[in-house]
Structure formats: C-alpha cells, structure tokens
Amino acid sequence: MNWQTIVVLAVVAIIFAAIIIKGIKNKKEGKSSCSCGCSGCANKDYCHSGK
C-alpha cells in the first residue's frame, strides 16, 4: 500500500468512528436518530420504549 491509500483509509476510519460515537452518545442521552420528532412514526415505541 502506498501512503495515499493509508491516509484515505485513516480518514474514513475516523469518520466512521465519529459517527458511531455520536450515535452512542445520543442513545445514552435519550435522543432519537431521526429528526422528524417521531410523533407520527410507526416505530416510535421501539425508539422510545423507556419513556
């Protein structure tokens, strides 16, 4: 592998890790992954079962 490939792979891995960490943080804070508000969502019971 050349250095350009390694740099691109590292950037993609960092972005992927940031997305996963943000999702875990939002889940712990009780936030939903959707931005619609979930009032009309068919799966709102699955997202907010603890409430």
Protein backbone atom coordinates (compact mmCIF):
# COMPACT_ATOMS: atom_id res chain seq x y z
CA MET A 1 0.00 0.00 0.00
CA ASN A 2 1.17 3.48 -0.71
CA TRP A 3 0.87 6.35 1.74
CA GLN A 4 -2.10 7.96 -0.04
CA THR A 5 -4.19 4.84 0.42
CA ILE A 6 -3.29 4.69 4.10
CA VAL A 7 -4.26 8.34 4.61
CA VAL A 8 -7.63 7.87 2.90
CA LEU A 9 -8.29 4.71 4.89
CA ALA A 10 -7.42 6.52 8.14
CA VAL A 11 -9.75 9.42 7.32
CA VAL A 12 -12.62 7.05 6.52
CA ALA A 13 -11.98 5.11 9.75
CA ILE A 14 -12.00 8.34 11.80
CA ILE A 15 -15.27 9.49 10.23
CA PHE A 16 -16.85 6.07 10.83
CA ALA A 17 -15.71 6.06 14.46
CA ALA A 18 -17.07 9.59 14.99
CA ILE A 19 -20.48 8.56 13.64
CA ILE A 20 -20.59 5.52 15.94
CA ILE A 21 -19.50 7.56 18.99
CA LYS A 22 -22.10 10.25 18.24
CA GLY A 23 -24.81 7.59 17.95
CA ILE A 24 -23.85 6.01 21.26
CA LYS A 25 -23.78 9.43 22.95
CA ASN A 26 -27.21 10.31 21.56
CA LYS A 27 -28.62 6.95 22.66
CA LYS A 28 -27.35 7.48 26.23
CA GLU A 29 -28.90 10.97 26.27
CA GLY A 30 -32.23 9.56 25.10
CA LYS A 31 -32.15 11.35 21.77
CA SER A 32 -33.58 9.76 18.67
CA SER A 33 -31.63 9.13 15.50
CA CYS A 34 -34.38 10.62 13.38
CA SER A 35 -35.09 14.31 13.02
CA CYS A 36 -38.82 14.06 12.39
CA GLY A 37 -39.85 14.21 16.04
CA CYS A 38 -41.25 10.65 15.99
CA SER A 39 -44.82 11.68 16.74
CA GLY A 40 -46.11 10.05 13.56
CA CYS A 41 -43.50 7.33 13.28
CA ALA A 42 -44.68 3.72 13.21
CA ASN A 43 -41.61 2.61 15.17
CA LYS A 44 -41.69 5.24 17.92
CA ASP A 45 -42.38 2.55 20.55
CA TYR A 46 -39.10 0.85 19.65
CA CYS A 47 -37.06 4.08 19.78
CA HIS A 48 -38.58 5.40 23.00
CA SER A 49 -39.57 2.26 24.88
CA GLY A 50 -38.08 3.51 28.16
CA LYS A 51 -40.35 6.54 28.38
